[in-house]
């Protein structure tokens, strides 16, 4: 059996590898990455949602108390997210580690993975205000940025998300009426409550 010279054999192997690489296109997501401007815009929209919701909730708490403010998260929060979605063309929502609104707050597969990453980073000592996680995936053949910004429970949130003994008067009954399948109680301050999640094309 005739053997090719070693140099020629190596050259042919390298050529075959190069042809294979050219013939195997990278996915759209692998070729794309969000620009600093795109990430800044994504963070800005997330910040706008959280700031607007916080202002509405604080105002309602002063006027109506915790039990009377449950409707803020139930109706006003989705309206804020929908308004921002209409303005940007992105998908924007909030999801929870324990679900309260099963129609809007139940995480999908990617969001569940993102919550896992956020929770691990939080337990590793990451500062809540800097806690985020993102990934570029291919959707309908196009690169799409999935982004999650952590929502970490604050002490004032215990009135509606704490243990049974910590819930404010009237909250338990209101939750039972508005969210019969509620799971979002029993939290402690500093725990991951959920995330604002954005999906946007690049």
N, C-alpha and C. Protein backbone atom coordinates (compact mmCIF):
# COMPACT_ATOMS: atom_id res chain seq x y z
N UNK A 1 0.85 -1.20 0.00
CA UNK A 1 0.00 0.00 0.00
C UNK A 1 0.88 1.24 0.00
N UNK A 2 0.58 2.18 -0.91
CA UNK A 2 1.40 3.39 -1.04
C UNK A 2 0.96 4.44 -0.03
N UNK A 3 1.94 5.03 0.67
CA UNK A 3 1.64 6.06 1.66
C UNK A 3 2.02 7.43 1.11
N UNK A 4 1.19 8.45 1.39
CA UNK A 4 1.50 9.80 0.98
C UNK A 4 2.55 10.39 1.91
N UNK A 5 3.35 11.32 1.40
CA UNK A 5 4.32 11.99 2.27
C UNK A 5 3.62 12.66 3.45
N UNK A 6 4.29 12.70 4.59
CA UNK A 6 3.69 13.24 5.81
C UNK A 6 3.20 14.66 5.64
N UNK A 7 4.01 15.52 4.97
CA UNK A 7 3.62 16.92 4.78
C UNK A 7 2.35 17.04 3.96
N UNK A 8 2.24 16.19 2.90
CA UNK A 8 1.06 16.23 2.05
C UNK A 8 -0.17 15.74 2.81
N UNK A 9 0.03 14.74 3.64
CA UNK A 9 -1.08 14.22 4.45
C UNK A 9 -1.62 15.28 5.39
N UNK A 10 -0.69 16.01 6.03
CA UNK A 10 -1.11 17.09 6.94
C UNK A 10 -1.83 18.20 6.19
N UNK A 11 -1.33 18.53 4.99
CA UNK A 11 -1.94 19.59 4.19
C UNK A 11 -3.35 19.22 3.80
N UNK A 12 -3.55 17.95 3.38
CA UNK A 12 -4.88 17.50 2.99
C UNK A 12 -5.84 17.51 4.18
N UNK A 13 -5.35 17.09 5.36
CA UNK A 13 -6.19 17.08 6.56
C UNK A 13 -6.62 18.50 6.93
N UNK A 14 -5.69 19.45 6.84
CA UNK A 14 -6.01 20.84 7.15
C UNK A 14 -7.02 21.40 6.17
N UNK A 15 -6.88 21.02 4.88
CA UNK A 15 -7.80 21.51 3.85
C UNK A 15 -9.20 20.97 4.09
N UNK A 16 -9.29 19.69 4.44
CA UNK A 16 -10.61 19.09 4.72
C UNK A 16 -11.26 19.78 5.90
N UNK A 17 -10.47 20.06 6.95
CA UNK A 17 -11.02 20.74 8.13
C UNK A 17 -11.51 22.13 7.78
N UNK A 18 -10.77 22.85 6.95
CA UNK A 18 -11.17 24.20 6.56
C UNK A 18 -12.44 24.18 5.74
N UNK A 19 -12.54 23.21 4.82
CA UNK A 19 -13.75 23.11 4.00
C UNK A 19 -14.96 22.80 4.87
N UNK A 20 -14.76 21.90 5.85
CA UNK A 20 -15.86 21.55 6.75
C UNK A 20 -16.32 22.75 7.54
N UNK A 21 -15.36 23.59 7.98
CA UNK A 21 -15.72 24.78 8.75
C UNK A 21 -16.50 25.77 7.91
N UNK A 22 -16.08 25.93 6.64
CA UNK A 22 -16.78 26.84 5.75
C UNK A 22 -18.18 26.32 5.44
N UNK A 23 -18.32 25.02 5.32
CA UNK A 23 -19.60 24.42 4.94
C UNK A 23 -20.58 24.36 6.10
N UNK A 24 -20.11 24.65 7.33
CA UNK A 24 -20.97 24.58 8.51
C UNK A 24 -21.15 25.99 9.05
N UNK A 25 -22.19 26.72 8.60
CA UNK A 25 -22.37 28.11 9.03
C UNK A 25 -22.68 28.22 10.51
N UNK A 26 -22.17 29.26 11.15
CA UNK A 26 -22.49 29.52 12.54
C UNK A 26 -23.94 29.96 12.64
N UNK A 27 -24.57 29.67 13.77
CA UNK A 27 -25.94 30.12 13.98
C UNK A 27 -25.97 31.63 14.04
N UNK A 28 -27.16 32.19 13.78
CA UNK A 28 -27.30 33.65 13.81
C UNK A 28 -26.96 34.20 15.19
N UNK A 29 -27.33 33.45 16.22
CA UNK A 29 -27.06 33.91 17.58
C UNK A 29 -25.57 33.93 17.87
N UNK A 30 -24.84 32.93 17.34
CA UNK A 30 -23.40 32.86 17.59
C UNK A 30 -22.66 34.01 16.92
N UNK A 31 -23.21 34.53 15.83
CA UNK A 31 -22.56 35.61 15.10
C UNK A 31 -22.90 36.98 15.66
N UNK A 32 -23.95 37.07 16.49
CA UNK A 32 -24.42 38.37 16.96
C UNK A 32 -24.19 38.53 18.45
N UNK A 33 -24.02 39.75 18.85
CA UNK A 33 -23.93 40.10 20.27
C UNK A 33 -24.49 41.49 20.42
N UNK A 34 -25.16 41.75 21.52
CA UNK A 34 -25.72 43.09 21.70
C UNK A 34 -24.61 44.13 21.82
N UNK A 35 -24.84 45.29 21.21
CA UNK A 35 -23.89 46.39 21.34
C UNK A 35 -24.05 47.03 22.71
N UNK A 36 -23.06 47.78 23.16
CA UNK A 36 -23.22 48.50 24.44
C UNK A 36 -24.46 49.40 24.45
N UNK A 37 -24.77 49.99 23.29
CA UNK A 37 -25.95 50.86 23.20
C UNK A 37 -27.24 50.05 23.37
N UNK A 38 -27.28 48.85 22.79
CA UNK A 38 -28.46 48.01 22.93
C UNK A 38 -28.64 47.54 24.37
N UNK A 39 -27.55 47.19 25.03
CA UNK A 39 -27.65 46.78 26.43
C UNK A 39 -28.08 47.96 27.30
N UNK A 40 -27.54 49.14 27.01
CA UNK A 40 -27.92 50.33 27.77
C UNK A 40 -29.40 50.63 27.62
N UNK A 41 -29.92 50.51 26.39
CA UNK A 41 -31.33 50.76 26.15
C UNK A 41 -32.20 49.73 26.85
N UNK A 42 -31.76 48.48 26.85
CA UNK A 42 -32.51 47.41 27.52
C UNK A 42 -32.58 47.66 29.01
N UNK A 43 -31.44 48.03 29.59
CA UNK A 43 -31.41 48.32 31.03
C UNK A 43 -32.27 49.55 31.36
N UNK A 44 -32.28 50.52 30.46
CA UNK A 44 -33.06 51.74 30.70
C UNK A 44 -34.55 51.44 30.75
N UNK A 45 -35.02 50.60 29.85
CA UNK A 45 -36.44 50.23 29.83
C UNK A 45 -36.79 49.45 31.09
N UNK A 46 -35.90 48.54 31.49
CA UNK A 46 -36.12 47.78 32.72
C UNK A 46 -36.20 48.72 33.92
N UNK A 47 -35.28 49.67 33.97
CA UNK A 47 -35.28 50.64 35.06
C UNK A 47 -36.53 51.50 35.08
N UNK A 48 -37.02 51.85 33.90
CA UNK A 48 -38.24 52.66 33.81
C UNK A 48 -39.44 51.89 34.35
N UNK A 49 -39.51 50.62 34.01
CA UNK A 49 -40.62 49.79 34.50
C UNK A 49 -40.59 49.71 36.02
N UNK A 50 -39.43 49.38 36.58
CA UNK A 50 -39.32 49.22 38.03
C UNK A 50 -39.56 50.53 38.77
N UNK A 51 -39.04 51.63 38.24
CA UNK A 51 -39.21 52.93 38.89
C UNK A 51 -40.68 53.36 38.87
N UNK A 52 -41.33 53.19 37.71
CA UNK A 52 -42.75 53.58 37.60
C UNK A 52 -43.62 52.73 38.51
N UNK A 53 -43.37 51.42 38.50
CA UNK A 53 -44.16 50.52 39.35
C UNK A 53 -43.94 50.84 40.82
N UNK A 54 -42.70 51.09 41.22
CA UNK A 54 -42.40 51.41 42.61
C UNK A 54 -43.12 52.67 43.06
N UNK A 55 -43.14 53.69 42.19
CA UNK A 55 -43.83 54.93 42.52
C UNK A 55 -45.32 54.73 42.70
N UNK A 56 -45.92 53.97 41.80
CA UNK A 56 -47.36 53.69 41.90
C UNK A 56 -47.67 52.90 43.16
N UNK A 57 -46.82 51.93 43.46
CA UNK A 57 -47.07 51.07 44.62
C UNK A 57 -46.91 51.84 45.92
N UNK A 58 -45.89 52.67 46.02
CA UNK A 58 -45.69 53.45 47.23
C UNK A 58 -46.83 54.43 47.47
N UNK A 59 -47.30 55.06 46.40
CA UNK A 59 -48.40 56.00 46.53
C UNK A 59 -49.67 55.29 47.00
N UNK A 60 -49.92 54.10 46.44
CA UNK A 60 -51.11 53.34 46.82
C UNK A 60 -51.01 52.83 48.24
N UNK A 61 -49.82 52.43 48.66
CA UNK A 61 -49.64 51.92 50.03
C UNK A 61 -49.97 53.01 51.05
N UNK A 62 -49.57 54.25 50.76
CA UNK A 62 -49.85 55.35 51.68
C UNK A 62 -51.35 55.65 51.74
N UNK A 63 -52.00 55.53 50.60
CA UNK A 63 -53.42 55.90 50.54
C UNK A 63 -54.34 54.75 50.89
N UNK A 64 -54.00 53.52 50.46
CA UNK A 64 -54.92 52.40 50.59
C UNK A 64 -54.43 51.27 51.48
N UNK A 65 -53.16 51.33 51.91
CA UNK A 65 -52.63 50.24 52.72
C UNK A 65 -52.26 49.04 51.86
N UNK A 66 -51.58 48.03 52.45
CA UNK A 66 -51.14 46.87 51.69
C UNK A 66 -52.26 46.09 51.01
N UNK A 67 -53.32 45.80 51.73
CA UNK A 67 -54.42 45.02 51.15
C UNK A 67 -55.07 45.74 49.97
N UNK A 68 -55.18 47.06 50.10
CA UNK A 68 -55.80 47.83 49.02
C UNK A 68 -54.87 48.11 47.87
N UNK A 69 -53.61 47.71 48.01
CA UNK A 69 -52.63 47.98 46.95
C UNK A 69 -52.29 46.74 46.12
N UNK A 70 -52.92 45.62 46.44
CA UNK A 70 -52.64 44.40 45.69
C UNK A 70 -53.01 44.56 44.22
N UNK A 71 -54.02 45.37 43.96
CA UNK A 71 -54.44 45.57 42.57
C UNK A 71 -53.40 46.32 41.74
N UNK A 72 -52.46 47.02 42.42
CA UNK A 72 -51.41 47.71 41.68
C UNK A 72 -50.55 46.71 40.92
N UNK A 73 -50.13 45.66 41.63
CA UNK A 73 -49.33 44.62 40.98
C UNK A 73 -50.18 43.77 40.04
N UNK A 74 -51.47 43.67 40.35
CA UNK A 74 -52.33 42.82 39.54
C UNK A 74 -52.72 43.46 38.22
N UNK A 75 -52.98 44.75 38.22
CA UNK A 75 -53.47 45.41 37.01
C UNK A 75 -52.55 46.50 36.46
N UNK A 76 -52.00 47.34 37.35
CA UNK A 76 -51.19 48.46 36.88
C UNK A 76 -49.83 47.99 36.36
N UNK A 77 -49.20 47.04 37.05
CA UNK A 77 -47.89 46.55 36.60
C UNK A 77 -47.95 45.99 35.17
N UNK A 78 -48.93 45.14 34.84
CA UNK A 78 -49.02 44.68 33.46
C UNK A 78 -49.28 45.81 32.46
N UNK A 79 -50.04 46.82 32.88
CA UNK A 79 -50.29 47.96 32.00
C UNK A 79 -49.00 48.73 31.71
N UNK A 80 -48.15 48.89 32.73
CA UNK A 80 -46.87 49.57 32.53
C UNK A 80 -46.01 48.78 31.56
N UNK A 81 -45.93 47.46 31.77
CA UNK A 81 -45.13 46.61 30.89
C UNK A 81 -45.66 46.64 29.46
N UNK A 82 -46.99 46.62 29.32
CA UNK A 82 -47.60 46.64 27.99
C UNK A 82 -47.32 47.96 27.29
N UNK A 83 -47.37 49.06 28.03
CA UNK A 83 -47.08 50.36 27.43
C UNK A 83 -45.66 50.44 26.92
N UNK A 84 -44.72 49.92 27.70
CA UNK A 84 -43.32 49.91 27.27
C UNK A 84 -43.11 48.97 26.09
N UNK A 85 -43.84 47.86 26.09
CA UNK A 85 -43.74 46.93 24.97
C UNK A 85 -44.25 47.55 23.69
N UNK A 86 -45.34 48.29 23.79
CA UNK A 86 -45.89 48.98 22.61
C UNK A 86 -44.91 50.04 22.10
N UNK A 87 -44.23 50.70 23.01
CA UNK A 87 -43.30 51.77 22.63
C UNK A 87 -42.02 51.22 21.98
N UNK A 88 -41.56 50.07 22.47
CA UNK A 88 -40.28 49.52 22.00
C UNK A 88 -40.43 48.42 20.96
N UNK A 89 -41.57 47.73 20.98
CA UNK A 89 -41.72 46.57 20.10
C UNK A 89 -41.12 45.31 20.69
N UNK A 90 -40.73 45.37 21.97
CA UNK A 90 -40.13 44.21 22.63
C UNK A 90 -41.17 43.47 23.46
N UNK A 91 -40.83 42.26 23.87
CA UNK A 91 -41.66 41.52 24.82
C UNK A 91 -41.14 41.82 26.22
N UNK A 92 -42.02 42.31 27.09
CA UNK A 92 -41.61 42.73 28.43
C UNK A 92 -42.61 42.19 29.45
N UNK A 93 -42.12 41.55 30.48
CA UNK A 93 -43.01 41.05 31.53
C UNK A 93 -42.22 40.85 32.82
N UNK A 94 -42.90 40.43 33.87
CA UNK A 94 -42.26 40.07 35.13
C UNK A 94 -42.60 38.62 35.43
N UNK A 95 -41.65 37.88 35.96
CA UNK A 95 -41.88 36.50 36.36
C UNK A 95 -41.39 36.31 37.78
N UNK A 96 -41.91 35.29 38.46
CA UNK A 96 -41.56 35.07 39.85
C UNK A 96 -40.93 33.73 40.11
N UNK A 97 -40.12 33.67 41.18
CA UNK A 97 -39.57 32.39 41.61
C UNK A 97 -40.67 31.55 42.25
N UNK A 98 -41.65 32.22 42.85
CA UNK A 98 -42.88 31.57 43.30
C UNK A 98 -44.00 32.38 42.68
N UNK A 99 -44.89 31.72 42.01
CA UNK A 99 -45.85 32.41 41.15
C UNK A 99 -47.05 32.92 41.93
N UNK A 100 -47.39 34.16 41.66
CA UNK A 100 -48.63 34.74 42.20
C UNK A 100 -49.66 34.85 41.08
N UNK A 101 -49.30 35.49 40.00
CA UNK A 101 -50.19 35.61 38.84
C UNK A 101 -49.80 34.52 37.84
N UNK A 102 -50.55 33.43 37.82
CA UNK A 102 -50.15 32.29 36.98
C UNK A 102 -50.25 32.60 35.50
N UNK A 103 -51.08 33.58 35.13
CA UNK A 103 -51.23 33.91 33.72
C UNK A 103 -50.07 34.73 33.19
N UNK A 104 -49.53 35.63 34.00
CA UNK A 104 -48.48 36.54 33.55
C UNK A 104 -47.13 36.30 34.21
N UNK A 105 -47.10 35.65 35.36
CA UNK A 105 -45.87 35.54 36.12
C UNK A 105 -45.19 34.19 36.10
N UNK A 106 -45.73 33.25 35.34
CA UNK A 106 -45.13 31.92 35.29
C UNK A 106 -43.96 31.92 34.31
N UNK A 107 -42.75 31.60 34.75
CA UNK A 107 -41.59 31.64 33.85
C UNK A 107 -41.62 30.52 32.82
N UNK A 108 -41.17 30.86 31.60
CA UNK A 108 -41.01 29.81 30.58
C UNK A 108 -39.64 29.15 30.79
N UNK A 109 -39.23 28.31 29.85
CA UNK A 109 -37.99 27.54 30.03
C UNK A 109 -36.79 28.46 30.18
N UNK A 110 -36.65 29.45 29.28
CA UNK A 110 -35.49 30.34 29.36
C UNK A 110 -35.54 31.18 30.63
N UNK A 111 -36.71 31.71 30.96
CA UNK A 111 -36.84 32.55 32.14
C UNK A 111 -36.54 31.76 33.42
N UNK A 112 -36.94 30.51 33.44
CA UNK A 112 -36.63 29.66 34.58
C UNK A 112 -35.12 29.48 34.72
N UNK A 113 -34.43 29.29 33.59
CA UNK A 113 -32.97 29.18 33.61
C UNK A 113 -32.34 30.48 34.09
N UNK A 114 -32.86 31.61 33.62
CA UNK A 114 -32.33 32.90 34.04
C UNK A 114 -32.49 33.11 35.54
N UNK A 115 -33.64 32.74 36.09
CA UNK A 115 -33.86 32.87 37.53
C UNK A 115 -32.85 32.02 38.31
N UNK A 116 -32.54 30.85 37.77
CA UNK A 116 -31.54 30.01 38.42
C UNK A 116 -30.17 30.66 38.46
N UNK A 117 -29.77 31.29 37.35
CA UNK A 117 -28.50 32.00 37.31
C UNK A 117 -28.50 33.19 38.27
N UNK A 118 -29.58 33.95 38.26
CA UNK A 118 -29.68 35.12 39.15
C UNK A 118 -29.61 34.70 40.61
N UNK A 119 -30.30 33.64 40.95
CA UNK A 119 -30.32 33.17 42.34
C UNK A 119 -28.94 32.70 42.77
N UNK A 120 -28.24 32.00 41.88
CA UNK A 120 -26.90 31.52 42.20
C UNK A 120 -25.94 32.70 42.40
N UNK A 121 -26.06 33.71 41.54
CA UNK A 121 -25.20 34.90 41.66
C UNK A 121 -25.50 35.66 42.95
N UNK A 122 -26.78 35.74 43.29
CA UNK A 122 -27.18 36.44 44.52
C UNK A 122 -26.59 35.73 45.74
N UNK A 123 -26.68 34.42 45.76
CA UNK A 123 -26.15 33.65 46.88
C UNK A 123 -24.63 33.71 46.94
N UNK A 124 -24.01 34.01 45.79
CA UNK A 124 -22.54 34.11 45.74
C UNK A 124 -22.05 35.49 46.18
N UNK A 125 -22.99 36.38 46.48
CA UNK A 125 -22.59 37.68 47.00
C UNK A 125 -22.76 38.85 46.05
N UNK A 126 -23.37 38.64 44.88
CA UNK A 126 -23.56 39.74 43.95
C UNK A 126 -24.51 40.78 44.55
N UNK A 127 -24.26 42.04 44.25
CA UNK A 127 -25.12 43.11 44.74
C UNK A 127 -26.45 43.09 44.00
N UNK A 128 -27.56 43.14 44.72
CA UNK A 128 -28.88 43.06 44.08
C UNK A 128 -29.08 44.08 42.97
N UNK A 129 -28.56 45.30 43.15
CA UNK A 129 -28.80 46.35 42.15
C UNK A 129 -28.04 46.10 40.84
N UNK A 130 -27.06 45.23 40.86
CA UNK A 130 -26.29 44.94 39.64
C UNK A 130 -26.64 43.57 39.05
N UNK A 131 -27.59 42.89 39.65
CA UNK A 131 -27.86 41.49 39.30
C UNK A 131 -28.69 41.38 38.03
N UNK A 132 -28.08 40.86 36.98
CA UNK A 132 -28.77 40.65 35.70
C UNK A 132 -28.17 39.44 35.00
N UNK A 133 -28.87 38.93 34.02
CA UNK A 133 -28.36 37.81 33.23
C UNK A 133 -28.97 37.90 31.83
N UNK A 134 -28.17 37.64 30.81
CA UNK A 134 -28.67 37.74 29.44
C UNK A 134 -28.04 36.67 28.56
N UNK A 135 -28.69 36.45 27.43
CA UNK A 135 -28.22 35.45 26.47
C UNK A 135 -28.80 35.78 25.11
N UNK A 136 -28.02 35.56 24.07
CA UNK A 136 -28.51 35.74 22.70
C UNK A 136 -28.87 34.37 22.15
N UNK A 137 -30.10 34.24 21.67
CA UNK A 137 -30.58 32.98 21.11
C UNK A 137 -31.12 33.23 19.71
N UNK A 138 -31.33 32.17 18.97
CA UNK A 138 -31.91 32.28 17.64
C UNK A 138 -33.41 32.00 17.71
N UNK A 139 -34.20 32.96 17.26
CA UNK A 139 -35.65 32.79 17.20
C UNK A 139 -36.12 33.15 15.80
N UNK A 140 -36.79 32.22 15.16
CA UNK A 140 -37.25 32.42 13.78
C UNK A 140 -36.09 32.80 12.85
N UNK A 141 -34.93 32.19 13.12
CA UNK A 141 -33.77 32.42 12.28
C UNK A 141 -33.04 33.72 12.53
N UNK A 142 -33.45 34.46 13.58
CA UNK A 142 -32.84 35.77 13.85
C UNK A 142 -32.29 35.82 15.28
N UNK A 143 -31.17 36.52 15.47
CA UNK A 143 -30.62 36.64 16.83
C UNK A 143 -31.53 37.50 17.70
N UNK A 144 -31.80 37.01 18.89
CA UNK A 144 -32.70 37.70 19.82
C UNK A 144 -32.05 37.75 21.20
N UNK A 145 -32.07 38.92 21.80
CA UNK A 145 -31.53 39.08 23.14
C UNK A 145 -32.60 38.77 24.17
N UNK A 146 -32.31 37.83 25.07
CA UNK A 146 -33.14 37.58 26.24
C UNK A 146 -32.39 38.17 27.43
N UNK A 147 -33.09 39.00 28.20
CA UNK A 147 -32.47 39.72 29.31
C UNK A 147 -33.35 39.60 30.55
N UNK A 148 -32.71 39.40 31.70
CA UNK A 148 -33.44 39.32 32.96
C UNK A 148 -32.77 40.20 34.01
N UNK A 149 -33.55 41.03 34.65
CA UNK A 149 -33.08 41.90 35.73
C UNK A 149 -33.73 41.44 37.03
N UNK A 150 -32.90 41.14 38.03
CA UNK A 150 -33.40 40.56 39.27
C UNK A 150 -34.28 41.51 40.06
N UNK A 151 -35.30 40.96 40.70
CA UNK A 151 -36.11 41.66 41.68
C UNK A 151 -35.85 40.97 43.02
N UNK A 152 -35.20 41.68 43.93
CA UNK A 152 -34.84 41.12 45.23
C UNK A 152 -35.77 41.68 46.29
N UNK A 153 -36.27 40.81 47.15
CA UNK A 153 -37.28 41.21 48.13
C UNK A 153 -36.71 42.19 49.15
N UNK A 154 -37.45 43.28 49.37
CA UNK A 154 -37.12 44.28 50.38
C UNK A 154 -37.99 44.07 51.61
N UNK A 155 -37.58 44.66 52.73
CA UNK A 155 -38.32 44.47 53.98
C UNK A 155 -39.78 44.89 53.86
N UNK A 156 -40.04 45.99 53.16
CA UNK A 156 -41.41 46.48 53.02
C UNK A 156 -42.29 45.54 52.21
N UNK A 157 -41.66 44.63 51.48
CA UNK A 157 -42.43 43.69 50.65
C UNK A 157 -43.05 42.56 51.48
N UNK A 158 -42.62 42.43 52.74
CA UNK A 158 -43.12 41.34 53.59
C UNK A 158 -44.61 41.47 53.85
N UNK A 159 -45.15 42.68 53.76
CA UNK A 159 -46.57 42.89 54.02
C UNK A 159 -47.45 42.07 53.08
N UNK A 160 -46.90 41.78 51.88
CA UNK A 160 -47.67 41.00 50.91
C UNK A 160 -46.97 39.70 50.50
N UNK A 161 -45.69 39.55 50.88
CA UNK A 161 -44.93 38.37 50.44
C UNK A 161 -44.24 37.63 51.58
N UNK A 162 -44.46 38.06 52.81
CA UNK A 162 -43.82 37.42 53.95
C UNK A 162 -44.53 36.16 54.41
N UNK A 163 -44.19 35.73 55.61
CA UNK A 163 -44.87 34.58 56.19
C UNK A 163 -46.29 34.97 56.60
N UNK A 164 -47.08 33.97 56.98
CA UNK A 164 -48.47 34.25 57.37
C UNK A 164 -48.53 35.25 58.52
N UNK A 165 -47.57 35.17 59.44
CA UNK A 165 -47.56 36.09 60.58
C UNK A 165 -47.12 37.49 60.19
N UNK A 166 -46.42 37.63 59.07
CA UNK A 166 -45.90 38.93 58.64
C UNK A 166 -46.84 39.66 57.69
N UNK A 167 -47.79 38.97 57.09
CA UNK A 167 -48.70 39.61 56.16
C UNK A 167 -49.51 40.69 56.86
N UNK A 168 -49.71 41.81 56.19
CA UNK A 168 -50.49 42.91 56.76
C UNK A 168 -51.96 42.50 56.88
N UNK A 169 -52.69 43.14 57.78
CA UNK A 169 -54.11 42.82 57.95
C UNK A 169 -54.88 42.92 56.63
N UNK A 170 -55.69 41.91 56.37
CA UNK A 170 -56.53 41.91 55.17
C UNK A 170 -55.85 41.36 53.93
N UNK A 171 -54.52 41.22 53.96
CA UNK A 171 -53.80 40.77 52.77
C UNK A 171 -54.10 39.32 52.43
N UNK A 172 -54.11 38.46 53.44
CA UNK A 172 -54.34 37.03 53.20
C UNK A 172 -55.69 36.81 52.51
N UNK A 173 -56.73 37.50 53.00
CA UNK A 173 -58.05 37.35 52.39
C UNK A 173 -58.10 37.88 50.97
N UNK A 174 -57.42 39.01 50.74
CA UNK A 174 -57.39 39.60 49.40
C UNK A 174 -56.63 38.71 48.43
N UNK A 175 -55.54 38.11 48.90
CA UNK A 175 -54.78 37.20 48.05
C UNK A 175 -55.61 35.97 47.70
N UNK A 176 -56.33 35.46 48.67
CA UNK A 176 -57.16 34.28 48.42
C UNK A 176 -58.24 34.57 47.40
N UNK A 177 -58.78 35.79 47.44
CA UNK A 177 -59.83 36.17 46.50
C UNK A 177 -59.28 36.46 45.11
N UNK A 178 -58.14 37.15 45.04
CA UNK A 178 -57.59 37.58 43.75
C UNK A 178 -56.67 36.55 43.11
N UNK A 179 -55.97 35.81 43.98
CA UNK A 179 -55.01 34.82 43.48
C UNK A 179 -55.21 33.50 44.22
N UNK A 180 -56.24 32.74 43.88
CA UNK A 180 -56.53 31.50 44.61
C UNK A 180 -55.40 30.48 44.55
N UNK A 181 -54.51 30.59 43.58
CA UNK A 181 -53.39 29.64 43.46
C UNK A 181 -52.05 30.29 43.85
N UNK A 182 -52.12 31.33 44.64
CA UNK A 182 -50.92 32.07 45.02
C UNK A 182 -49.90 31.21 45.74
N UNK A 183 -48.63 31.38 45.34
CA UNK A 183 -47.51 30.70 46.00
C UNK A 183 -46.46 31.69 46.50
N UNK A 184 -46.70 32.98 46.29
CA UNK A 184 -45.65 33.98 46.49
C UNK A 184 -45.62 34.58 47.89
N UNK A 185 -45.69 33.73 48.91
CA UNK A 185 -45.52 34.19 50.29
C UNK A 185 -44.41 33.36 50.93
N UNK A 186 -44.06 33.74 52.15
CA UNK A 186 -43.01 33.00 52.85
C UNK A 186 -41.61 33.45 52.52
N UNK A 187 -41.48 34.58 51.86
CA UNK A 187 -40.16 35.11 51.51
C UNK A 187 -39.51 35.80 52.71
N UNK A 188 -38.19 35.94 52.62
CA UNK A 188 -37.42 36.73 53.59
C UNK A 188 -36.70 37.83 52.83
N UNK A 189 -36.42 38.96 53.49
CA UNK A 189 -35.69 40.04 52.81
C UNK A 189 -34.35 39.54 52.26
N UNK A 190 -34.03 40.00 51.06
CA UNK A 190 -32.78 39.61 50.43
C UNK A 190 -32.90 38.40 49.52
N UNK A 191 -34.05 37.74 49.52
CA UNK A 191 -34.24 36.60 48.63
C UNK A 191 -34.67 37.07 47.24
N UNK A 192 -34.40 36.24 46.24
CA UNK A 192 -34.81 36.57 44.88
C UNK A 192 -36.31 36.38 44.75
N UNK A 193 -37.01 37.45 44.43
CA UNK A 193 -38.47 37.39 44.26
C UNK A 193 -38.83 37.02 42.83
N UNK A 194 -38.04 37.51 41.87
CA UNK A 194 -38.33 37.23 40.46
C UNK A 194 -37.45 38.09 39.59
N UNK A 195 -37.97 38.45 38.42
CA UNK A 195 -37.17 39.25 37.49
C UNK A 195 -38.07 39.96 36.48
N UNK A 196 -37.59 41.09 36.01
CA UNK A 196 -38.16 41.71 34.82
C UNK A 196 -37.42 41.07 33.64
N UNK A 197 -38.18 40.57 32.68
CA UNK A 197 -37.55 39.89 31.55
C UNK A 197 -37.95 40.58 30.25
N UNK A 198 -36.97 40.73 29.38
CA UNK A 198 -37.16 41.38 28.08
C UNK A 198 -36.64 40.48 26.99
N UNK A 199 -37.39 40.40 25.91
CA UNK A 199 -36.95 39.68 24.72
C UNK A 199 -37.02 40.67 23.56
N UNK A 200 -35.87 40.89 22.89
CA UNK A 200 -35.82 41.89 21.82
C UNK A 200 -34.91 41.41 20.70
N UNK A 201 -35.28 41.67 19.44
CA UNK A 201 -34.42 41.28 18.31
C UNK A 201 -33.19 42.16 18.24
N UNK A 202 -32.12 41.61 17.71
CA UNK A 202 -30.89 42.38 17.53
C UNK A 202 -30.68 42.69 16.05
